Amino acid sequence: MKIRLGIIGYGNIGTVHANNIWNGNCEEVELCAVCDTNSEKLNEVKEKAPQVALFSDAEEMMDSGLIDSVLVCVPHYDHPKYAIMAMKKGLHTLVEKPAGVYTKQVKEMNEVAKSCNVVFGLMMNQRTNCIYRKMREIVKSGRLGEIKRTNLIITDWYRPQIYYDSGDWRATWSGEGGGVLLNQCPHNLDLWQWICGMPTKIHAKLHYGKWHDIEVEDDVSAYVEYQNGATGVFVTSTGDAPGTNRFEILLEKGKLVAEGGELKLWENEMTEKEFSRINENPFASPETSFSVVETDGENPQHAGVLNAFASAILHGTELVARGEEGINGLTISNAMHLSSWLGKEIVLSEFDDELFYSELKKRIDTSRRKSTVVKTSKIDMQDSFVAKHYKTK
């Protein structure tokens, strides 16, 4: 048995998913339909796979009877819209990152998911990476004690100006809803909370158009606090060349560092707290062993998420990331933006969805790219400021 999949949006990432299926990397998935508003994209599909049904209207594809599942690969604002539409029609739904642009929108999507008897997943492909899976396993096992500090620096997202000039929707409040946090970093924010848990407080400094001629953020530094008193720092940018990709977690009994395709472990013979209590040498430190952690070497990425999605539908197995989990990384991202806009610390338990939405709309109203509402579906857009003629990612 195979699931019968329809892809909404045959842009850069939609093409990756289609090729994974056509190249035989997803044995339980049959690509039965593709929808895109760009006729040139549909012609590409026709040349590669003439057996695939082509649509310019997503709802028409959903109602065709040709598919039982959808993969949403359209621009950020439309992720919840098409996910909601699909789930209400009884179609299993897999959504590209991010889950949406703002938490108010994603909470509505998650509420719909609760009432629909379908599989709802999120394309968080970095969770399939053996390095991060092992990192999470060690942290969650408790062998190193509680987390004391997290440091995640992800600046190897370098983008030249031509990248932002390649589409008038790119790096605009009305087109993407944000910059590096919404476009490049959803996976990193997801991994951060997936492995370390959600922070309780966030204070962030964002720079808008610091390194590029854009209106959204391209440089971010954030400080967070956790429930147990641990602290963390998150740094990202699209203006660093060369950049850095380093994820460090300091725990009571050691340290983990993911960098350069390796997971390094420093493990103390006892917890720092215990050593400090019994030690009598003012310059001593705990005895520590070092190792490069062995993993299973598997890193199936997008194909792995899609295969898990198919297996969940056909066999009832676990997803790589449940769709409802998308709210976590997005909440962190929204809180960073709101902290920057208001110039103050944001307590996540008190995060105001409506306030964020209101502040975001202020920026959309003055965005370089003005929204043009063009009807492309029988169902009106959730938000009038979303331009309906956006091309795919």
Protein backbone atom coordinates (compact mmCIF):
# COMPACT_ATOMS: atom_id res chain seq x y z
CA MET A 1 0.00 0.00 0.00
CA LYS A 2 1.02 3.57 -0.64
CA ILE A 3 -0.39 6.93 0.34
CA ARG A 4 -1.65 9.04 -2.57
CA LEU A 5 0.03 12.41 -2.11
CA GLY A 6 -0.69 15.82 -3.58
CA ILE A 7 1.92 18.59 -3.31
CA ILE A 8 0.69 22.18 -3.01
CA GLY A 9 3.47 24.40 -4.31
CA TYR A 10 6.12 23.15 -6.74
CA GLY A 11 8.85 25.65 -5.85
CA ASN A 12 12.33 24.95 -4.51
CA ILE A 13 11.29 22.70 -1.62
CA GLY A 14 8.31 21.18 -3.42
CA THR A 15 10.72 20.05 -6.12
CA VAL A 16 12.95 18.39 -3.50
CA HIS A 17 10.03 16.37 -2.15
CA ALA A 18 8.83 15.36 -5.63
CA ASN A 19 12.32 14.22 -6.64
CA ASN A 20 12.67 12.15 -3.47
CA ILE A 21 9.50 10.29 -4.46
CA TRP A 22 10.44 9.89 -8.13
CA ASN A 23 13.97 8.75 -7.21
CA GLY A 24 12.59 5.90 -5.13
CA ASN A 25 13.47 7.29 -1.70
CA CYS A 26 9.87 7.08 -0.45
CA GLU A 27 8.57 3.59 -1.20
CA GLU A 28 5.21 4.06 0.50
CA VAL A 29 4.41 7.34 -1.26
CA GLU A 30 2.87 7.83 -4.69
CA LEU A 31 2.84 11.38 -6.04
CA CYS A 32 -0.56 11.62 -7.68
CA ALA A 33 -1.07 15.37 -8.06
CA VAL A 34 0.72 18.71 -7.97
CA CYS A 35 -0.82 22.15 -7.59
CA ASP A 36 0.85 25.44 -8.45
CA THR A 37 -0.33 28.82 -9.74
CA ASN A 38 2.73 29.01 -12.00
CA SER A 39 2.04 27.26 -15.33
CA GLU A 40 5.78 26.95 -16.04
CA LYS A 41 6.17 24.89 -12.86
CA LEU A 42 3.31 22.63 -13.90
CA ASN A 43 4.92 22.13 -17.31
CA GLU A 44 8.09 20.98 -15.52
CA VAL A 45 6.07 18.33 -13.71
CA LYS A 46 4.36 17.28 -16.94
CA GLU A 47 7.72 16.70 -18.62
CA LYS A 48 9.15 14.74 -15.68
CA ALA A 49 6.07 12.74 -14.71
CA PRO A 50 3.19 12.88 -17.22
CA GLN A 51 1.14 10.53 -15.03
CA VAL A 52 0.82 13.16 -12.28
CA ALA A 53 -2.41 15.19 -12.33
CA LEU A 54 -1.88 18.96 -12.48
CA PHE A 55 -3.95 21.67 -10.81
CA SER A 56 -3.82 25.44 -10.45
CA ASP A 57 -6.39 25.45 -7.63
CA ALA A 58 -5.60 23.68 -4.36
CA GLU A 59 -9.19 23.05 -3.37
CA GLU A 60 -9.92 21.50 -6.76
CA MET A 61 -7.00 19.12 -6.24
CA MET A 62 -8.24 18.24 -2.75
CA ASP A 63 -11.73 17.50 -4.08
CA SER A 64 -10.49 15.47 -7.06
CA GLY A 65 -10.56 12.10 -5.29
CA LEU A 66 -7.05 11.43 -6.58
CA ILE A 67 -5.29 11.98 -3.26
CA ASP A 68 -5.65 11.04 0.39
CA SER A 69 -2.85 13.28 1.71
CA VAL A 70 -1.25 16.65 1.03
CA LEU A 71 2.15 18.26 1.51
CA VAL A 72 1.91 22.05 1.89
CA CYS A 73 4.92 23.85 0.35
CA VAL A 74 3.62 27.38 -0.23
CA PRO A 75 4.84 30.69 1.31
CA HIS A 76 4.70 31.01 5.09
CA TYR A 77 1.44 32.90 5.56
CA ASP A 78 -0.52 30.25 3.68
CA HIS A 79 0.67 27.19 5.61
CA PRO A 80 -2.23 27.20 8.12
CA LYS A 81 -4.79 28.11 5.45
CA TYR A 82 -4.13 25.07 3.28
CA ALA A 83 -3.54 22.78 6.25
CA ILE A 84 -6.94 23.72 7.68
CA MET A 85 -8.61 23.28 4.31
CA ALA A 86 -7.06 19.83 3.83
CA MET A 87 -7.78 18.52 7.32
CA LYS A 88 -11.40 19.63 7.14
CA LYS A 89 -11.71 17.59 3.96
CA GLY A 90 -10.34 14.50 5.73
CA LEU A 91 -6.92 14.57 4.07
CA HIS A 92 -3.78 13.64 5.99
CA THR A 93 -1.62 16.76 6.13
CA LEU A 94 2.12 17.43 6.22
CA VAL A 95 3.23 21.08 6.42
CA GLU A 96 6.59 22.60 5.52
CA LYS A 97 8.33 24.78 8.08
CA PRO A 98 7.45 27.12 9.67
CA ALA A 99 4.01 26.09 10.91
CA GLY A 100 2.92 29.68 10.21
CA VAL A 101 3.98 33.26 10.71
CA TYR A 102 2.24 34.09 13.99
CA THR A 103 0.99 32.02 16.92
CA LYS A 104 -2.62 33.19 16.67
CA GLN A 105 -2.81 31.67 13.21
CA VAL A 106 -1.11 28.39 14.20
CA LYS A 107 -3.26 27.91 17.30
CA GLU A 108 -6.32 28.03 15.05
CA MET A 109 -4.74 25.36 12.83
CA ASN A 110 -3.98 23.16 15.85
CA GLU A 111 -7.57 23.45 17.08
CA VAL A 112 -8.84 22.21 13.74
CA ALA A 113 -6.40 19.30 13.90
CA LYS A 114 -7.91 18.18 17.21
CA SER A 115 -11.33 17.79 15.62
CA CYS A 116 -10.21 16.01 12.45
CA ASN A 117 -9.34 12.32 12.37
CA VAL A 118 -6.25 12.72 10.21
CA VAL A 119 -2.49 12.47 10.55
CA PHE A 120 -0.99 15.95 10.92
CA GLY A 121 2.77 16.31 10.61
CA LEU A 122 5.43 18.99 10.27
CA MET A 123 8.49 18.85 7.98
CA MET A 124 11.13 19.24 10.69
CA ASN A 125 13.74 17.24 8.82
CA GLN A 126 16.67 18.19 11.06
CA ARG A 127 15.19 15.97 13.76
CA THR A 128 16.24 13.01 11.61
CA ASN A 129 19.93 13.96 11.88
CA CYS A 130 21.79 11.33 13.94
CA ILE A 131 23.81 14.04 15.72
CA TYR A 132 20.75 15.81 17.09
CA ARG A 133 18.86 12.61 17.81
CA LYS A 134 21.79 11.38 19.93
CA MET A 135 22.20 14.76 21.58
CA ARG A 136 18.57 14.71 22.63
CA GLU A 137 18.83 11.10 23.83
CA ILE A 138 21.74 11.95 26.14
CA VAL A 139 20.11 15.10 27.52
CA LYS A 140 16.76 13.40 28.13
CA SER A 141 18.41 10.36 29.76
CA GLY A 142 19.51 12.49 32.72
CA ARG A 143 22.98 10.93 32.86
CA LEU A 144 24.56 14.40 32.78
CA GLY A 145 22.05 15.98 35.13
CA GLU A 146 20.06 19.12 34.48
CA ILE A 147 20.91 21.75 31.89
CA LYS A 148 22.83 24.79 33.18
CA ARG A 149 23.41 26.70 29.95
CA THR A 150 22.68 26.44 26.23
CA ASN A 151 24.55 28.21 23.44
CA LEU A 152 23.37 27.97 19.84
CA ILE A 153 25.17 30.00 17.19
CA ILE A 154 23.94 29.42 13.67
CA THR A 155 25.45 31.98 11.30
CA ASP A 156 26.30 29.78 8.31
CA TRP A 157 23.11 31.01 6.61
CA TYR A 158 25.04 33.53 4.51
CA ARG A 159 22.94 35.12 1.77
CA PRO A 160 24.18 37.74 -0.73
CA GLN A 161 21.94 40.61 -1.83
CA ILE A 162 21.00 38.82 -5.06
CA TYR A 163 19.20 36.18 -2.99
CA TYR A 164 16.87 38.79 -1.55
CA ASP A 165 16.45 40.49 -4.93
CA SER A 166 15.31 37.22 -6.55
CA GLY A 167 11.67 37.74 -5.52
CA ASP A 168 9.73 40.82 -4.43
CA TRP A 169 8.08 38.80 -1.64
CA ARG A 170 11.42 37.86 -0.09
CA ALA A 171 12.53 39.52 3.15
CA THR A 172 9.38 41.61 3.45
CA TRP A 173 6.84 41.76 6.26
CA SER A 174 3.95 41.20 3.87
CA GLY A 175 5.68 38.46 1.90
CA GLU A 176 7.45 36.33 4.51
CA GLY A 177 6.50 37.84 7.86
CA GLY A 178 10.09 38.04 8.98
CA GLY A 179 13.69 37.41 7.98
CA VAL A 180 16.28 34.92 9.18
CA LEU A 181 14.09 33.75 12.09
CA LEU A 182 11.15 32.85 9.82
CA ASN A 183 13.01 31.72 6.74
CA GLN A 184 16.28 30.07 7.74
CA CYS A 185 15.97 29.30 11.46
CA PRO A 186 12.72 27.38 12.12
CA HIS A 187 14.69 24.11 12.14
CA ASN A 188 17.26 25.46 14.61
CA LEU A 189 14.64 26.89 16.94
CA ASP A 190 12.79 23.58 16.78
CA LEU A 191 15.93 21.59 17.62
CA TRP A 192 16.75 23.98 20.46
CA GLN A 193 13.40 23.46 22.19
CA TRP A 194 13.14 19.77 21.18
CA ILE A 195 16.42 18.98 22.92
CA CYS A 196 16.54 21.57 25.73
CA GLY A 197 12.88 22.33 26.37
CA MET A 198 11.03 25.63 26.09
CA PRO A 199 12.51 28.72 27.77
CA THR A 200 10.37 30.77 30.12
CA LYS A 201 11.77 34.23 29.34
CA ILE A 202 13.29 35.82 26.23
CA HIS A 203 15.09 39.11 25.71
CA ALA A 204 16.25 39.68 22.14
CA LYS A 205 18.03 42.28 20.05
CA LEU A 206 17.24 42.16 16.34
CA HIS A 207 18.85 44.23 13.59
CA TYR A 208 16.69 44.94 10.53
CA GLY A 209 18.51 45.24 7.22
CA LYS A 210 21.89 45.46 8.96
CA TRP A 211 23.83 43.56 6.31
CA HIS A 212 21.42 43.73 3.36
CA ASP A 213 18.99 46.10 1.69
CA ILE A 214 15.92 44.45 3.27
CA GLU A 215 13.25 45.48 5.79
CA VAL A 216 13.29 42.40 8.05
CA GLU A 217 15.87 41.01 10.48
CA ASP A 218 19.19 39.63 9.24
CA ASP A 219 21.05 39.63 12.57
CA VAL A 220 19.74 38.30 15.91
CA SER A 221 21.12 37.91 19.43
CA ALA A 222 18.82 36.57 22.15
CA TYR A 223 19.14 35.69 25.83
CA VAL A 224 16.75 33.18 27.43
CA GLU A 225 16.04 31.70 30.84
CA TYR A 226 14.58 28.28 31.70
CA GLN A 227 12.32 27.06 34.47
CA ASN A 228 15.18 25.46 36.40
CA GLY A 229 17.30 28.62 36.35
CA ALA A 230 19.40 27.64 33.35
CA THR A 231 20.23 30.32 30.79
CA GLY A 232 20.80 30.30 27.07
CA VAL A 233 22.05 32.39 24.16
CA PHE A 234 20.91 32.21 20.53
CA VAL A 235 22.79 34.00 17.74
CA THR A 236 21.97 33.95 14.04
CA SER A 237 22.66 36.01 10.93
CA THR A 238 22.64 35.86 7.13
CA GLY A 239 25.53 38.33 6.93
CA ASP A 240 28.44 36.29 8.30
CA ALA A 241 30.98 34.80 5.87
CA PRO A 242 32.35 32.44 6.94
CA GLY A 243 29.66 31.51 9.40
CA THR A 244 29.45 29.15 12.36
CA ASN A 245 27.14 26.26 13.26
CA ARG A 246 27.72 25.24 16.87
CA PHE A 247 25.26 23.93 19.44
CA GLU A 248 26.63 23.63 22.99
CA ILE A 249 24.79 22.39 26.07
CA LEU A 250 26.41 22.61 29.50
CA LEU A 251 24.91 20.28 32.11
CA GLU A 252 25.60 19.52 35.75
CA LYS A 253 27.92 16.65 34.91
CA GLY A 254 29.41 17.57 31.57
CA LYS A 255 29.06 19.23 28.21
CA LEU A 256 27.81 18.35 24.73
CA VAL A 257 28.93 20.14 21.56
CA ALA A 258 27.49 19.51 18.11
CA GLU A 259 29.74 21.01 15.45
CA GLY A 260 31.35 19.99 12.18
CA GLY A 261 29.31 16.81 11.83
CA GLU A 262 30.41 15.47 15.22
CA LEU A 263 28.91 15.24 18.68
CA LYS A 264 31.56 15.76 21.35
CA LEU A 265 31.06 14.82 24.99
CA TRP A 266 32.92 15.93 28.08
CA GLU A 267 31.73 13.95 31.10
CA ASN A 268 32.74 14.75 34.67
CA GLU A 269 33.31 12.06 37.29
CA MET A 270 30.76 13.86 39.49
CA THR A 271 28.45 16.84 39.18
CA GLU A 272 29.99 20.29 39.42
CA LYS A 273 27.79 21.02 42.44
CA GLU A 274 29.00 17.95 44.32
CA PHE A 275 32.64 18.62 43.39
CA SER A 276 32.37 22.23 44.58
CA ARG A 277 30.92 21.01 47.89
CA ILE A 278 33.65 18.52 48.75
CA ASN A 279 36.74 19.95 47.02
CA GLU A 280 39.41 21.61 49.18
CA ASN A 281 41.73 22.89 46.41
CA PRO A 282 40.79 26.45 45.36
CA PHE A 283 42.09 25.95 41.80
CA ALA A 284 40.93 22.38 41.16
CA SER A 285 38.20 21.26 38.77
CA PRO A 286 36.39 17.94 38.30
CA GLU A 287 38.10 15.06 36.52
CA THR A 288 36.69 14.91 33.00
CA SER A 289 36.70 12.34 30.21
CA PHE A 290 36.33 13.28 26.54
CA SER A 291 34.86 11.32 23.66
CA VAL A 292 33.33 11.74 20.23
CA VAL A 293 29.91 10.17 20.59
CA GLU A 294 29.10 7.28 18.29
CA THR A 295 25.80 7.56 16.40
CA ASP A 296 23.94 5.31 13.97
CA GLY A 297 25.07 7.57 11.11
CA GLU A 298 21.57 7.90 9.70
CA ASN A 299 20.40 11.27 8.41
CA PRO A 300 17.44 10.75 6.04
CA GLN A 301 16.27 14.38 6.18
CA HIS A 302 13.19 15.25 4.04
CA ALA A 303 12.70 11.73 2.77
CA GLY A 304 12.81 10.44 6.33
CA VAL A 305 10.05 12.80 7.45
CA LEU A 306 7.90 11.93 4.44
CA ASN A 307 8.44 8.20 5.01
CA ALA A 308 7.45 8.55 8.66
CA PHE A 309 4.34 10.47 7.57
CA ALA A 310 3.36 7.65 5.19
CA SER A 311 4.06 5.02 7.84
CA ALA A 312 1.95 6.88 10.40
CA ILE A 313 -0.97 6.81 7.96
CA LEU A 314 -0.53 3.21 6.84
CA HIS A 315 0.76 1.55 10.01
CA GLY A 316 0.01 3.88 12.91
CA THR A 317 3.67 4.55 13.71
CA GLU A 318 5.17 7.74 15.13
CA LEU A 319 5.80 10.93 13.16
CA VAL A 320 9.15 12.72 13.19
CA ALA A 321 7.29 15.85 14.32
CA ARG A 322 3.60 16.20 15.08
CA GLY A 323 2.01 19.20 13.42
CA GLU A 324 0.90 20.59 16.75
CA GLU A 325 4.54 20.92 17.84
CA GLY A 326 5.13 23.70 15.32
CA ILE A 327 3.76 26.22 17.79
CA ASN A 328 6.82 25.79 20.04
CA GLY A 329 9.57 27.09 17.77
CA LEU A 330 7.23 29.73 16.37
CA THR A 331 6.45 31.01 19.87
CA ILE A 332 10.18 31.48 20.49
CA SER A 333 10.55 33.29 17.16
CA ASN A 334 7.51 35.52 17.75
CA ALA A 335 8.74 36.31 21.26
CA MET A 336 12.12 37.40 19.87
CA HIS A 337 10.43 39.73 17.44
CA LEU A 338 8.10 41.12 20.08
CA SER A 339 10.97 41.62 22.54
CA SER A 340 12.82 43.61 19.90
CA TRP A 341 9.78 45.69 18.93
CA LEU A 342 8.83 46.52 22.51
CA GLY A 343 12.37 46.71 23.85
CA LYS A 344 11.72 44.45 26.83
CA GLU A 345 11.84 40.91 28.15
CA ILE A 346 9.00 38.59 27.11
CA VAL A 347 7.62 36.02 29.56
CA LEU A 348 6.38 33.13 27.41
CA SER A 349 3.60 32.11 29.80
CA GLU A 350 2.18 35.60 29.31
CA PHE A 351 2.82 35.85 25.57
CA ASP A 352 0.10 37.96 23.97
CA ASP A 353 -0.90 36.50 20.58
CA GLU A 354 -3.11 39.48 19.76
CA LEU A 355 -0.43 42.02 20.63
CA PHE A 356 2.09 40.30 18.42
CA TYR A 357 -0.43 40.09 15.58
CA SER A 358 -1.19 43.80 15.97
CA GLU A 359 2.49 44.75 15.92
CA LEU A 360 3.11 42.55 12.89
CA LYS A 361 0.27 44.18 10.97
CA LYS A 362 1.80 47.62 11.62
CA ARG A 363 4.89 46.46 9.76
CA ILE A 364 2.88 44.83 7.00
CA ASP A 365 1.08 48.11 6.43
CA THR A 366 4.38 49.86 5.69
CA SER A 367 6.03 46.92 3.91
CA ARG A 368 7.92 47.54 0.69
CA ARG A 369 5.87 44.88 -1.00
CA LYS A 370 2.25 45.89 -0.86
CA SER A 371 -0.21 42.99 -0.81
CA THR A 372 -2.40 42.46 -3.82
CA VAL A 373 -5.41 40.29 -3.17
CA VAL A 374 -6.12 38.09 -6.17
CA LYS A 375 -8.68 35.31 -5.90
CA THR A 376 -7.13 31.91 -6.58
CA SER A 377 -9.38 29.68 -4.51
CA LYS A 378 -13.02 29.21 -3.63
CA ILE A 379 -12.06 29.93 -0.02
CA ASP A 380 -11.04 33.47 0.91
CA MET A 381 -7.70 34.05 2.59
CA GLN A 382 -7.65 34.04 6.38
CA ASP A 383 -5.83 37.35 6.28
CA SER A 384 -6.58 40.08 3.78
CA PHE A 385 -2.98 41.28 3.73
CA VAL A 386 -1.71 38.02 2.22
CA ALA A 387 -1.05 38.38 -1.50
CA LYS A 388 -2.77 35.48 -3.21
CA HIS A 389 -0.56 35.51 -6.27
CA TYR A 390 2.65 34.70 -4.40
CA LYS A 391 4.75 32.16 -6.20
CA THR A 392 5.96 29.09 -4.33
CA LYS A 393 9.06 29.10 -2.12
